[in-house]
Protein backbone atom coordinates (compact mmCIF):
# COMPACT_ATOMS: atom_id res chain seq x y z
CA UNK A 1 -26.20 47.20 17.03
CA UNK A 2 -25.88 44.52 14.37
CA UNK A 3 -25.57 45.47 10.72
CA UNK A 4 -26.26 42.85 8.07
CA UNK A 5 -24.81 43.79 4.69
CA UNK A 6 -25.89 42.11 1.47
CA UNK A 7 -23.52 43.07 -1.34
CA UNK A 8 -25.21 43.40 -4.72
CA UNK A 9 -23.54 43.38 -8.12
CA UNK A 10 -24.77 44.20 -11.58
CA UNK A 11 -28.10 45.78 -10.67
CA UNK A 12 -29.69 47.95 -13.35
CA UNK A 13 -32.43 49.14 -11.01
CA UNK A 14 -32.78 49.54 -7.29
CA UNK A 15 -35.67 48.78 -4.94
CA UNK A 16 -38.13 51.45 -3.95
CA UNK A 17 -38.54 52.30 -0.28
CA UNK A 18 -41.72 50.16 -0.25
CA UNK A 19 -39.86 47.18 -1.76
CA UNK A 20 -37.02 47.65 0.72
CA UNK A 21 -39.47 47.63 3.65
CA UNK A 22 -41.18 44.45 2.39
CA UNK A 23 -38.21 42.48 1.09
CA UNK A 24 -38.46 38.87 2.33
CA UNK A 25 -34.73 38.24 2.17
CA UNK A 26 -34.02 41.25 4.39
CA UNK A 27 -36.77 40.15 6.77
CA UNK A 28 -35.13 36.73 7.00
CA UNK A 29 -31.77 38.39 7.73
CA UNK A 30 -33.48 40.34 10.51
CA UNK A 31 -34.94 37.18 12.07
CA UNK A 32 -31.63 35.35 11.93
CA UNK A 33 -29.67 38.27 13.37
CA UNK A 34 -32.18 38.54 16.23
CA UNK A 35 -31.94 34.81 16.90
CA UNK A 36 -28.14 34.66 16.76
CA UNK A 37 -27.62 37.90 18.70
CA UNK A 38 -30.57 38.33 21.09
CA UNK A 39 -28.66 41.01 23.00
CA UNK A 40 -28.74 43.35 20.00
CA UNK A 41 -31.08 46.28 20.46
CA UNK A 42 -30.87 47.32 16.80
CA UNK A 43 -30.51 45.34 13.57
CA UNK A 44 -29.72 47.38 10.48
CA UNK A 45 -30.26 45.76 7.10
CA UNK A 46 -28.12 47.15 4.30
CA UNK A 47 -28.10 46.51 0.58
CA UNK A 48 -24.74 47.65 -0.74
CA UNK A 49 -24.82 48.03 -4.51
CA UNK A 50 -21.35 48.20 -6.05
CA UNK A 51 -22.72 50.22 -8.97
CA UNK A 52 -25.19 52.28 -6.97
CA UNK A 53 -26.51 53.33 -3.60
CA UNK A 54 -26.18 51.83 -0.14
CA UNK A 55 -29.73 51.30 1.09
CA UNK A 56 -30.47 50.81 4.78
CA UNK A 57 -33.64 49.71 6.53
CA UNK A 58 -34.79 48.17 9.81
CA UNK A 59 -37.72 45.99 10.76
CA UNK A 60 -40.20 47.17 13.36
CA UNK A 61 -41.57 44.65 15.90
CA UNK A 62 -44.96 44.41 14.14
CA UNK A 63 -43.21 43.74 10.81
CA UNK A 64 -41.14 41.00 12.42
CA UNK A 65 -44.23 39.38 13.95
CA UNK A 66 -46.09 39.50 10.63
CA UNK A 67 -43.11 37.93 8.86
CA UNK A 68 -42.84 35.20 11.51
CA UNK A 69 -46.53 34.39 10.98
CA UNK A 70 -45.93 34.29 7.22
CA UNK A 71 -42.97 31.91 7.59
CA UNK A 72 -44.93 29.66 9.97
CA UNK A 73 -47.82 29.53 7.49
CA UNK A 74 -45.44 28.65 4.64
CA UNK A 75 -43.83 25.92 6.72
CA UNK A 76 -47.21 24.47 7.62
CA UNK A 77 -48.26 24.50 3.98
CA UNK A 78 -44.99 22.95 2.82
CA UNK A 79 -45.12 20.11 5.33
CA UNK A 80 -48.82 19.22 5.19
CA UNK A 81 -50.18 20.19 1.78
CA UNK A 82 -50.99 17.51 -0.76
CA UNK A 83 -50.71 20.11 -3.52
CA UNK A 84 -46.93 20.04 -3.21
CA UNK A 85 -45.85 16.47 -2.52
CA UNK A 86 -42.31 16.03 -1.22
CA UNK A 87 -39.74 15.19 -3.85
CA UNK A 88 -36.01 14.84 -3.86
CA UNK A 89 -33.80 17.59 -5.22
CA UNK A 90 -30.23 18.77 -4.91
CA UNK A 91 -30.96 20.68 -1.69
CA UNK A 92 -32.18 17.68 0.34
CA UNK A 93 -28.79 17.28 2.01
CA UNK A 94 -29.09 20.77 3.50
CA UNK A 95 -32.70 20.48 4.66
CA UNK A 96 -33.43 20.15 8.36
CA UNK A 97 -36.82 18.58 7.52
CA UNK A 98 -35.27 15.53 5.81
CA UNK A 99 -35.60 13.35 8.94
CA UNK A 100 -39.39 13.75 8.67
CA UNK A 101 -39.64 14.02 4.87
CA UNK A 102 -41.48 11.02 3.38
CA UNK A 103 -39.62 11.20 0.05
CA UNK A 104 -36.20 11.36 1.70
CA UNK A 105 -37.06 8.61 4.18
CA UNK A 106 -38.29 6.29 1.42
CA UNK A 107 -34.99 6.58 -0.46
CA UNK A 108 -33.05 6.22 2.78
CA UNK A 109 -34.94 3.04 3.71
CA UNK A 110 -34.59 1.57 0.21
CA UNK A 111 -30.87 2.27 0.27
CA UNK A 112 -30.53 0.62 3.69
CA UNK A 113 -32.52 -2.41 2.49
CA UNK A 114 -30.26 -2.75 -0.56
CA UNK A 115 -27.14 -2.69 1.60
CA UNK A 116 -28.31 -5.62 3.75
CA UNK A 117 -29.48 -7.89 0.92
CA UNK A 118 -27.17 -10.83 0.35
CA UNK A 119 -25.14 -10.59 -2.81
CA UNK A 120 -26.24 -13.35 -5.26
CA UNK A 121 -22.61 -14.04 -6.21
CA UNK A 122 -21.77 -15.03 -2.61
CA UNK A 123 -24.73 -17.37 -2.09
CA UNK A 124 -23.78 -21.05 -2.18
């Protein structure tokens, strides 16, 4: 059994059982725990509120499959849609897509081109 605990501070309200069952962050924790620890037969997802309850849930196989489909659809939309063109932001350095990202590659290529241009002060 793996238990993933997300400590919460300062909450004035707590999720309903429906919200707990459909929380995307907890679903992502479930996927990652399953990927990192494939031997685990059970993954418990816990929200530990310092000023409130300790809420526990688990994802069923059909919930996990539905969430995987959702993530795959989001990824497809993010990488192919013209509605959301790629643009640089402070998270680019952490992104595993940056090797394929047109915006990141353009800046990378421009930077490389600048570094190989001869400096005008050194030209005879």
